Each structure stands twice: as C-alpha cells, then as structure tokens.
Protein backbone atom coordinates (compact mmCIF):
# COMPACT_ATOMS: atom_id res chain seq x y z
CA MET A 1 90.29 -188.99 10.50
CA GLY A 2 88.12 -190.11 13.72
CA VAL A 3 84.58 -189.31 13.70
CA ILE A 4 83.17 -187.08 16.28
CA THR A 5 81.68 -188.93 19.27
CA SER A 6 80.55 -188.41 22.69
CA SER A 7 84.14 -189.15 23.54
CA LEU A 8 84.59 -185.43 22.92
CA THR A 9 84.32 -185.17 26.88
CA CYS A 10 87.51 -187.00 27.62
CA CYS A 11 89.44 -186.11 30.92
CA CYS A 12 92.20 -183.56 30.76
CA PRO A 13 95.60 -184.61 29.60
CA LYS A 14 98.49 -186.51 31.78
CA GLN A 15 101.73 -184.26 32.38
CA ASN A 16 104.14 -185.29 29.83
CA ASN A 17 107.59 -184.28 30.68
CA THR A 18 109.20 -184.51 27.35
CA THR A 19 111.01 -181.17 26.33
CA ASN A 20 110.43 -180.30 23.20
CA ASN A 21 111.88 -176.79 22.61
CA ALA A 22 110.54 -176.03 19.53
CA ILE A 23 106.76 -176.07 20.92
CA ARG A 24 107.50 -175.42 24.70
CA LEU A 25 106.58 -171.84 25.25
CA ASN A 26 108.76 -169.12 25.97
CA ILE A 27 106.53 -166.17 26.77
CA ASP A 28 108.89 -163.04 25.98
CA ASP A 29 108.92 -164.42 22.48
CA ILE A 30 105.46 -164.74 21.98
CA ASP A 31 104.85 -161.26 23.20
CA ARG A 32 107.26 -160.27 20.75
CA ASN A 33 105.38 -162.86 17.70
CA ASN A 34 102.58 -160.85 18.50
CA GLU A 35 103.36 -158.26 18.51
CA LEU A 36 105.43 -158.44 15.06
CA GLN A 37 101.66 -160.08 13.65
CA ASP A 38 99.54 -157.36 14.80
CA ASP A 39 100.60 -153.81 15.81
CA ARG A 40 97.07 -153.18 17.11
CA GLN A 41 97.48 -155.97 19.91
CA ASN A 42 97.23 -153.18 22.61
CA VAL A 43 93.23 -152.61 22.30
CA LYS A 44 92.05 -149.48 22.48
CA THR A 45 90.31 -148.86 26.50
CA ASN A 46 86.91 -147.83 26.39
CA ASN A 47 86.02 -144.60 27.82
CA ILE A 48 83.72 -146.08 30.07
CA ASN A 49 86.71 -147.84 32.26
CA ASN A 50 87.43 -144.73 33.06
CA LEU A 51 84.37 -143.71 34.85
CA GLY A 52 84.00 -147.21 36.42
CA ILE A 53 81.00 -148.52 35.61
CA ARG A 54 81.75 -151.75 33.54
CA PRO A 55 79.65 -154.85 33.60
CA SER A 56 81.23 -156.46 36.43
CA VAL A 57 80.58 -153.91 38.86
CA SER A 58 76.48 -154.54 38.07
CA VAL A 59 76.91 -158.38 39.10
CA ILE A 60 76.83 -158.32 42.79
CA LYS A 61 77.25 -161.29 44.86
CA ARG A 62 74.16 -161.60 47.53
CA ILE A 63 73.61 -163.46 50.57
CA ILE A 64 70.16 -163.43 50.48
CA ASN A 65 67.55 -166.15 49.39
CA PRO A 66 67.21 -165.89 45.30
CA GLU A 67 63.27 -166.91 45.03
CA ASP A 68 62.79 -163.47 46.41
CA HIS A 69 64.01 -162.06 42.95
CA TYR A 70 63.50 -164.89 40.45
CA GLN A 71 60.53 -167.44 40.21
CA LEU A 72 61.63 -170.88 39.39
CA ASP A 73 59.92 -171.83 35.89
CA GLN A 74 61.47 -175.50 34.39
CA GLU A 75 63.97 -177.48 34.89
CA LEU A 76 66.67 -177.78 31.93
CA GLY A 77 69.32 -180.35 32.98
CA GLU A 78 70.99 -181.99 35.67
CA GLY A 79 74.64 -182.55 36.50
CA ALA A 80 76.61 -183.99 39.51
CA TYR A 81 76.93 -180.77 41.38
CA GLY A 82 73.69 -179.36 40.84
CA ARG A 83 70.74 -178.44 38.16
CA VAL A 84 70.19 -175.75 35.87
CA VAL A 85 66.72 -174.67 35.55
CA LYS A 86 64.74 -171.58 33.83
CA VAL A 87 64.13 -168.93 36.01
CA ILE A 88 61.61 -165.49 35.56
CA HIS A 89 62.99 -162.25 37.03
CA LYS A 90 60.11 -161.13 39.02
CA GLN A 91 60.88 -157.31 38.46
CA THR A 92 61.18 -157.24 34.88
CA GLY A 93 59.52 -160.42 33.62
CA GLN A 94 63.24 -161.65 32.04
CA ILE A 95 64.05 -165.20 31.42
CA ARG A 96 67.02 -166.16 32.57
CA ALA A 97 69.06 -169.73 33.21
CA MET A 98 70.11 -170.04 37.04
CA LYS A 99 72.83 -172.97 37.81
CA ILE A 100 72.06 -174.18 41.26
CA VAL A 101 75.09 -175.83 42.73
CA ASP A 102 75.06 -177.63 45.93
CA LYS A 103 78.15 -176.70 47.93
CA GLN A 104 78.02 -180.05 50.39
CA LEU A 105 78.61 -182.03 47.31
CA LEU A 106 81.55 -180.12 45.96
CA ASP A 107 85.00 -181.05 45.99
CA GLU A 108 86.64 -178.70 48.32
CA ALA A 109 90.23 -178.55 46.76
CA VAL A 110 88.86 -178.39 43.11
CA ASP A 111 85.41 -177.74 42.39
CA SER A 112 84.51 -174.79 44.64
CA LYS A 113 87.36 -172.67 43.19
CA GLU A 114 86.37 -173.73 40.13
CA ILE A 115 82.75 -172.45 40.50
CA GLU A 116 84.28 -169.38 42.06
CA ASN A 117 86.78 -168.87 39.15
CA GLU A 118 84.06 -168.91 36.41
CA ILE A 119 81.62 -166.44 38.31
CA SER A 120 85.41 -164.59 38.59
CA VAL A 121 85.96 -164.62 35.03
CA LEU A 122 82.55 -163.84 33.86
CA LYS A 123 81.96 -160.89 36.03
CA SER A 124 84.79 -159.33 34.05
CA LEU A 125 83.40 -159.39 30.83
CA ASP A 126 80.98 -158.21 28.33
CA HIS A 127 81.02 -159.35 24.83
CA PRO A 128 78.16 -160.52 22.44
CA ASN A 129 79.74 -163.65 21.71
CA ILE A 130 80.53 -164.47 25.59
CA ILE A 131 77.38 -165.80 28.19
CA LYS A 132 76.50 -162.92 30.25
CA VAL A 133 76.21 -163.72 33.82
CA TYR A 134 73.91 -161.27 35.71
CA GLU A 135 74.10 -161.92 39.46
CA TYR A 136 75.00 -164.63 41.81
CA PHE A 137 73.54 -166.06 45.66
CA ASP A 138 75.51 -167.51 48.10
CA TYR A 139 72.83 -168.64 50.06
CA LYS A 140 72.71 -171.27 52.52
CA THR A 141 74.02 -174.79 51.27
CA HIS A 142 73.91 -173.33 47.72
CA LEU A 143 75.29 -171.39 45.41
CA PHE A 144 72.95 -169.86 42.35
CA ILE A 145 74.43 -168.37 39.05
CA VAL A 146 72.26 -166.48 36.92
CA ASN A 147 73.34 -166.09 33.41
CA GLU A 148 71.83 -165.46 29.99
CA LEU A 149 69.34 -168.36 28.75
CA ILE A 150 70.09 -170.08 25.47
CA PRO A 151 67.59 -172.59 25.12
CA ASN A 152 68.68 -173.87 21.55
CA GLY A 153 71.58 -176.29 21.70
CA ASP A 154 75.17 -176.32 21.44
CA LEU A 155 77.46 -176.92 18.54
CA PHE A 156 78.20 -180.19 19.86
CA LYS A 157 74.50 -181.45 19.44
CA LEU A 158 74.28 -179.47 15.67
CA ILE A 159 77.40 -181.84 14.50
CA GLU A 160 75.89 -184.84 15.89
CA THR A 161 72.61 -184.37 14.09
CA LYS A 162 74.06 -183.01 10.88
CA LYS A 163 77.65 -185.15 10.88
CA SER A 164 79.17 -182.03 9.25
CA ILE A 165 78.38 -178.35 8.52
CA SER A 166 78.48 -176.61 5.22
CA GLU A 167 81.86 -174.38 4.73
CA LEU A 168 79.80 -170.84 4.91
CA TYR A 169 78.34 -171.56 8.23
CA SER A 170 81.43 -173.07 9.50
CA LEU A 171 83.15 -170.03 9.02
CA ARG A 172 80.05 -167.64 10.49
CA ILE A 173 80.34 -170.14 13.76
CA ILE A 174 84.32 -170.07 13.92
CA TYR A 175 84.49 -166.20 13.26
CA GLN A 176 82.19 -165.11 16.03
CA VAL A 177 84.21 -167.46 18.13
CA LEU A 178 87.67 -166.04 17.44
CA ALA A 179 85.94 -162.71 17.97
CA ALA A 180 85.14 -163.72 21.73
CA VAL A 181 88.87 -165.06 21.69
CA LYS A 182 90.25 -161.70 20.33
CA TYR A 183 88.19 -160.06 23.11
CA LEU A 184 89.06 -162.44 26.09
CA HIS A 185 93.06 -161.94 25.22
CA SER A 186 92.68 -157.98 24.86
CA GLU A 187 91.11 -158.58 28.77
CA ASN A 188 94.08 -160.91 29.68
CA VAL A 189 91.90 -164.05 29.92
CA ILE A 190 92.30 -167.39 28.45
CA HIS A 191 89.75 -169.42 28.02
CA GLY A 192 91.48 -172.62 28.36
CA ASP A 193 88.72 -175.43 27.17
CA ILE A 194 86.89 -174.39 23.58
CA LYS A 195 85.26 -177.15 21.91
CA PRO A 196 81.62 -178.05 20.49
CA GLU A 197 79.70 -178.59 23.71
CA ASN A 198 80.87 -174.72 25.25
CA ILE A 199 79.51 -173.35 22.25
CA MET A 200 76.05 -172.31 22.38
CA ILE A 201 74.23 -171.42 19.39
CA ASP A 202 71.20 -168.95 19.93
CA ASN A 203 68.35 -168.99 17.51
CA PHE A 204 69.08 -172.30 16.75
CA GLY A 205 65.82 -173.44 15.97
CA ASN A 206 65.61 -170.98 13.42
CA CYS A 207 68.92 -171.89 11.41
CA SER A 208 68.73 -174.35 8.38
CA PHE A 209 72.48 -175.15 8.51
CA SER A 210 71.99 -176.98 5.03
CA ASN A 211 74.78 -177.58 2.44
CA LYS A 212 73.74 -175.76 -0.38
CA GLN A 213 76.25 -173.25 -1.91
CA THR A 214 74.51 -169.67 -1.75
CA TYR A 215 73.04 -168.44 1.48
CA THR A 216 71.54 -164.72 2.08
CA SER A 217 72.72 -162.31 4.05
CA GLU A 218 69.67 -163.14 6.66
CA GLU A 219 70.61 -166.87 6.58
CA LEU A 220 74.00 -166.47 7.84
CA ALA A 221 73.22 -163.82 10.34
CA SER A 222 70.61 -165.45 11.82
CA PHE A 223 72.45 -166.98 14.69
CA GLU A 224 74.72 -165.67 17.51
CA VAL A 225 77.34 -167.98 19.13
CA LYS A 226 77.89 -167.80 22.67
CA LEU A 227 80.87 -169.17 24.53
CA ILE A 228 80.47 -170.65 27.78
CA ASP A 229 82.17 -172.80 30.65
CA PHE A 230 84.94 -170.24 32.15
CA GLY A 231 85.73 -172.89 34.49
CA THR A 232 89.31 -173.56 33.69
CA SER A 233 89.89 -169.86 32.34
CA LYS A 234 92.96 -168.27 33.63
CA PHE A 235 93.85 -164.41 33.82
CA PHE A 236 97.35 -164.04 32.23
CA SER A 237 100.39 -161.46 32.52
CA LYS A 238 102.71 -161.25 30.03
CA ASN A 239 105.62 -162.76 32.06
CA LYS A 240 103.43 -166.10 33.34
CA VAL A 241 103.84 -169.41 31.77
CA PHE A 242 100.93 -171.95 32.74
CA ASN A 243 101.68 -175.28 33.16
CA LYS A 244 98.07 -177.14 35.13
CA LEU A 245 96.82 -179.18 32.52
CA ILE A 246 93.53 -177.67 30.93
CA GLY A 247 90.89 -178.32 28.15
CA THR A 248 89.76 -181.46 26.44
CA SER A 249 91.89 -184.37 25.01
CA PHE A 250 90.92 -184.19 21.22
CA TYR A 251 91.01 -180.13 21.34
CA VAL A 252 94.10 -179.65 23.74
CA ALA A 253 97.04 -177.69 22.34
CA PRO A 254 100.73 -179.32 22.06
CA GLU A 255 102.15 -177.10 24.61
CA VAL A 256 99.49 -177.66 26.83
CA ILE A 257 100.34 -181.56 26.90
CA LEU A 258 104.15 -180.15 27.23
CA GLY A 259 103.23 -178.44 30.21
CA GLY A 260 104.16 -174.80 29.29
CA TYR A 261 101.63 -172.37 27.43
CA HIS A 262 99.81 -169.04 26.88
CA ARG A 263 97.07 -167.70 25.02
CA GLN A 264 97.70 -169.34 21.97
CA CYS A 265 96.56 -172.50 23.19
CA ASP A 266 92.89 -171.32 22.34
CA LEU A 267 93.58 -170.76 18.97
CA TRP A 268 94.53 -174.26 18.51
CA SER A 269 91.86 -175.52 20.11
CA CYS A 270 89.47 -172.99 17.39
CA GLY A 271 91.26 -175.16 14.98
CA VAL A 272 90.07 -178.21 15.71
CA VAL A 273 86.61 -177.02 15.97
CA LEU A 274 86.28 -175.33 12.66
CA TYR A 275 87.85 -179.20 10.95
CA THR A 276 85.32 -180.61 13.16
CA MET A 277 82.87 -178.78 11.82
CA LEU A 278 83.63 -179.13 8.29
CA SER A 279 84.16 -183.20 8.39
CA GLY A 280 82.69 -184.46 11.18
CA GLY A 281 86.09 -185.49 12.53
CA PHE A 282 89.32 -184.82 14.29
CA PRO A 283 92.26 -183.70 12.70
CA PHE A 284 94.29 -186.04 15.40
CA TYR A 285 92.35 -189.46 16.51
CA SER A 286 93.00 -192.26 18.61
CA GLN A 287 91.00 -194.11 21.15
CA ASP A 288 94.02 -194.70 23.25
CA GLU A 289 95.26 -191.25 25.19
CA ASP A 290 98.56 -191.84 25.30
CA GLU A 291 98.49 -192.46 21.19
CA LEU A 292 96.62 -189.20 21.09
CA TYR A 293 98.54 -187.13 22.68
CA GLU A 294 101.92 -188.45 20.59
CA LYS A 295 99.94 -187.36 17.20
CA ILE A 296 98.67 -184.00 18.57
CA LYS A 297 103.00 -183.37 19.44
CA ASN A 298 104.16 -184.80 16.15
CA ASP A 299 101.55 -185.37 13.56
CA GLN A 300 100.32 -183.03 10.87
CA PRO A 301 96.26 -183.18 10.28
CA ASP A 302 94.64 -185.43 8.74
CA PHE A 303 93.02 -184.44 5.38
CA LYS A 304 92.34 -187.57 3.87
CA ASN A 305 88.77 -187.90 2.77
CA PHE A 306 88.36 -184.24 4.02
CA PRO A 307 85.33 -182.35 2.36
CA LYS A 308 86.68 -180.03 -0.67
CA VAL A 309 86.40 -176.42 0.74
CA ASP A 310 88.22 -173.22 -0.47
CA PRO A 311 91.90 -173.49 -0.21
CA ASN A 312 91.67 -170.50 2.26
CA THR A 313 89.84 -172.25 4.36
CA LEU A 314 92.42 -175.07 4.61
CA ASP A 315 95.27 -172.18 5.19
CA LEU A 316 93.38 -171.16 7.98
CA ILE A 317 92.73 -174.41 9.49
CA SER A 318 96.86 -174.74 9.00
CA LYS A 319 97.54 -171.71 10.82
CA LEU A 320 95.66 -172.40 13.35
CA LEU A 321 96.90 -176.24 13.84
CA GLU A 322 100.58 -174.92 13.71
CA LYS A 323 102.33 -176.75 16.49
CA ASN A 324 104.69 -173.97 17.65
CA PRO A 325 103.00 -171.49 19.20
CA LEU A 326 105.55 -168.96 18.72
CA ASP A 327 104.24 -169.44 14.65
CA ARG A 328 100.30 -170.14 15.48
CA ILE A 329 97.96 -167.19 14.12
CA ASN A 330 96.84 -165.16 16.81
CA ALA A 331 93.25 -163.97 17.21
CA ASN A 332 93.52 -160.37 15.45
CA LYS A 333 95.31 -162.05 12.21
CA SER A 334 92.59 -165.07 11.92
CA LEU A 335 89.80 -162.43 11.59
CA GLU A 336 91.46 -160.78 9.03
CA HIS A 337 92.41 -164.31 7.04
CA PRO A 338 91.14 -164.53 3.48
CA ALA A 339 89.24 -167.27 4.18
CA PHE A 340 86.19 -165.12 5.51
CA GLU A 341 86.33 -162.66 2.70
CA LYS A 342 83.35 -164.15 1.31
CA LEU A 343 81.17 -164.21 4.24
CA ASN A 344 82.16 -160.66 5.31
CA GLN A 345 80.94 -159.67 2.18
CA ILE A 346 77.34 -161.44 2.47
CA ILE A 347 77.46 -159.68 5.75
CA ALA A 348 77.83 -156.66 4.61
CA LYS A 349 74.84 -156.36 2.71
CA LYS A 350 72.72 -157.09 5.65
CA ASN A 351 74.92 -154.22 7.58
CA GLU A 352 73.78 -151.89 4.79
CA LYS A 353 70.39 -152.68 5.17
CA ILE A 354 70.23 -152.18 8.54
CA VAL A 355 72.32 -148.76 8.38
CA GLY A 356 69.93 -147.85 5.83
CA GLN A 357 66.98 -147.81 7.81
CA ASP A 358 65.08 -144.75 9.43
CA TYR A 359 65.51 -145.48 12.69
CA SER A 360 69.12 -145.55 12.17
CA LYS A 361 69.74 -141.93 11.08
CA ASN A 362 67.94 -141.02 14.73
CA VAL A 363 70.09 -142.74 16.42
CA LEU A 364 73.29 -141.49 14.63
CA GLY A 365 72.01 -137.89 14.96
CA ARG A 366 71.69 -138.22 18.92
CA LEU A 367 75.19 -140.00 19.17
CA LYS A 368 76.81 -136.91 17.53
CA LYS A 369 74.66 -134.76 20.06
CA SER A 370 75.73 -136.69 23.42
CA LYS A 371 79.79 -136.62 22.74
CA SER A 372 79.69 -134.27 25.82
CA ASN A 373 77.69 -136.69 28.04
CA VAL A 374 79.46 -140.01 26.76
CA LYS A 375 80.79 -141.05 30.08
CA PHE A 376 77.57 -140.99 31.64
CA HIS A 377 75.67 -142.25 28.44
CA GLN A 378 78.07 -145.35 28.22
CA ALA A 379 77.85 -145.89 31.84
CA ILE A 380 73.90 -145.77 31.68
CA THR A 381 73.79 -147.67 28.53
CA THR A 382 75.89 -150.42 30.05
CA PHE A 383 74.24 -151.04 32.65
CA ILE A 384 70.34 -150.96 31.40
CA THR A 385 71.52 -153.40 27.98
CA HIS A 386 73.36 -155.89 30.23
CA ASN A 387 70.64 -156.44 33.34
CA PHE A 388 67.13 -154.93 31.65
CA LEU A 389 66.52 -154.55 28.02
CA SER A 390 64.49 -157.16 26.67
CA LYS A 391 65.99 -159.80 23.98
CA GLU A 392 64.49 -158.65 20.97
CA ILE A 393 65.44 -154.52 21.93
CA ALA A 394 68.93 -155.77 22.43
CA SER A 395 69.13 -157.28 19.58
CA LYS A 396 67.93 -154.76 17.64
CA HIS A 397 70.44 -152.03 18.53
CA LYS A 398 72.89 -154.58 18.70
CA ASN A 399 72.87 -155.18 15.23
CA LEU A 400 72.39 -151.64 14.50
CA PHE A 401 75.90 -151.06 16.24
CA LYS A 402 78.01 -153.95 15.01
CA ALA A 403 76.91 -152.45 11.39
CA LEU A 404 78.56 -149.31 12.55
CA ASP A 405 81.71 -150.75 14.10
CA ILE A 406 84.47 -150.67 11.65
CA ASP A 407 87.11 -151.89 13.88
CA GLY A 408 85.39 -154.70 14.71
C-alpha cells in the first residue's frame, strides 16, 4: 500500500493495446447490466425541464468586460494558463470565484477545447454536490469563468494533513461524491477524473474530522462536498464507447488503460478515493507508471496494514474496485449499500429536527397550495436559487428539502 503524496497528479496513462476481453467494455452488456442492477436507472424527468428553464439557460456567455459586473477582491491562486480570484458581484454583493484564462497561453489543439468543454458541461448541471458555474465572459484576450466559491480546501489537503480520515467521515464524503456521480450519469455525463484534488469540502474550517468512535448528526452534516474540474468530462450515449485516455494514474480504471470505457470508470475512481481516505495510501502503487498500470489491471487491492473498518465498508470498496466494469457496482446501488446504514441513521436524526421546526410547516402548506402553478414556481425558484440567494439562506432551504426528499 503506497502512501499518498504529491505524486497524485501523475499524468494520464499511456495507451495500452493489450486485449483483455474480461475487462474491455461492451457497451450493450453494461447497459443491460445496469438495468438489472437497478430498475430505476432511468431517472424521472423534472417538470421544470418541460418548461425549458434550467440553470443552464441562466448561464450565458457575455462578450463584455466582466469588471462591469464584478469587483476583483483577492488573488486565490495561479496556474500555467491564468489565475483564480475572489470577486464580488456588484448587483447582489455575492462573493464568487472567477477563473481568468489567458487565451494566448492555451495550446490551440487541446486546452482551449478543454476549457470550452468544462463550461459546456457545467452549464448543464445543477446539483448540491457539484460546483456551480454562474456565467462566463469571453472578452478580448481572456476567458472569465465565474463559479461558486469554496474557500476552505480540497480533500487532498485534508488527507495530507490528517494522513487518514475516520470511517464515518470518509463514508459521509464518498456518499456525497457518489450522489454527484449518480446525478452526472443520469444526465449522461462521465466526470473522468475523480480524485481528492477535485473534491472540495465546503465549510472545511468547521470540521473536526477526528477519529473518535461516535459522532453527532450536526458534526456529520456540518460540511458539503463539491465535485470540480470537468475539463475531461464527456457526454455519453448508450452506444458510444470512449477510448481517449483520461484521468489521473492512481485513480484510473483498468478499462481506461485498456482503451474502452463508459460511465463505470467513475465508480472505480470513487473506490480508490474511499480506500485512500481510510488508509492514507493507494490500493495499487508503484513509482513506475507501466508497473502501476499492470497492477491496476491484474492485482487485487492491497489491504495489508489497512485500518480496521466495518466489513460492509470493505465490501463497498471491493465492489467499487471490481476490475470488470460489467460486474462493478453502479452509482444507484452504491448509495443503497449497507456501508451507509449507520451514517444514514445519524443524518436522519438531524433531518427529523429540521422537518420538525415551525417554519417547515408553513413551507409544506404553501407547497401543497401551489400545485397548480408548480412549473412557474419551479422555474423562478431554480433561477433565483442558482444566481442570487445568499449562501446562508440557500443552505437553510436546501437542508429542509433534503430532509423531505425521500428519493435521494
């Protein structure tokens, strides 16, 4: 079991032409297999889709100076192609993050398309565990992408600091990641690069993440996970198999190395992330890239020196790290796994408190009375929530509706 280090950001794996019929993906088989795993794979379409007003519609491209709408406040970071700054929306006072990309520094063949792809994917998504993009600007020599600000840190930094994370906290984090993956797959999107660096933890500063044995519902519900970096994401269809290499070496699925993959590659990456949180290491490790890929394709996960955890948690890891994508557990079934039973019981206590509050009774009453105008109300709520609600108000209402949402 290799210890997690900064080498997490290894480059994408090289193409391997080895044929392995047990692992290479037959898309018809995996679609049939997913239908057998869960008859509810086809997610119900929300009425708001019929109205044609979704967050993606409210995210528009502007060919104007972003400083007309935003006040630059503070530098947050810098990369090869630009920087990220904290900005304040002049009209609402909301604090957001702005990614500023210098178009002249982009490689014409790849990077500009990846930036456009990330914007395209994020525009179409709206989920509490996925970073929200509000708008973007194409002005003169730069692209400006405005998204939700998550200031407290990513999962990689947390693992570096703590070395390992307690079982319940790890399950709480991966449950939210799996919820995001379930939503992505229902929207026909593969993330393609799930790893700790791409998992932001909102409210990070208020989390203790101690290794004690018991937790209150408030402690476990004190933070939210946000999935970021959709530059390698893909929209998929039932009959399409991808072969362009994506992902980061330690988290890449066997079928990606072999050159034929579909949505199940995201579940493998989730399995590696869960293993890494609990142990501080990797299930497959080598400093040599080719040797690493051979281990991913052929070896079983290394559970030597693995911390003592519930057998159900080990079973979930094993099902996520199933080498054959046809047999690998899907996102829906992962969320229903017994490993999450104790966690869900604790969170349910907090939800009971939320639903029991006085203001929730008024909300429920109004919801019942407004059925006739549901499409209009949903459309307006989606637009306002996505763009203008303060974080505190949005969080209050989001917690209420999570408590009421029996379908997940």
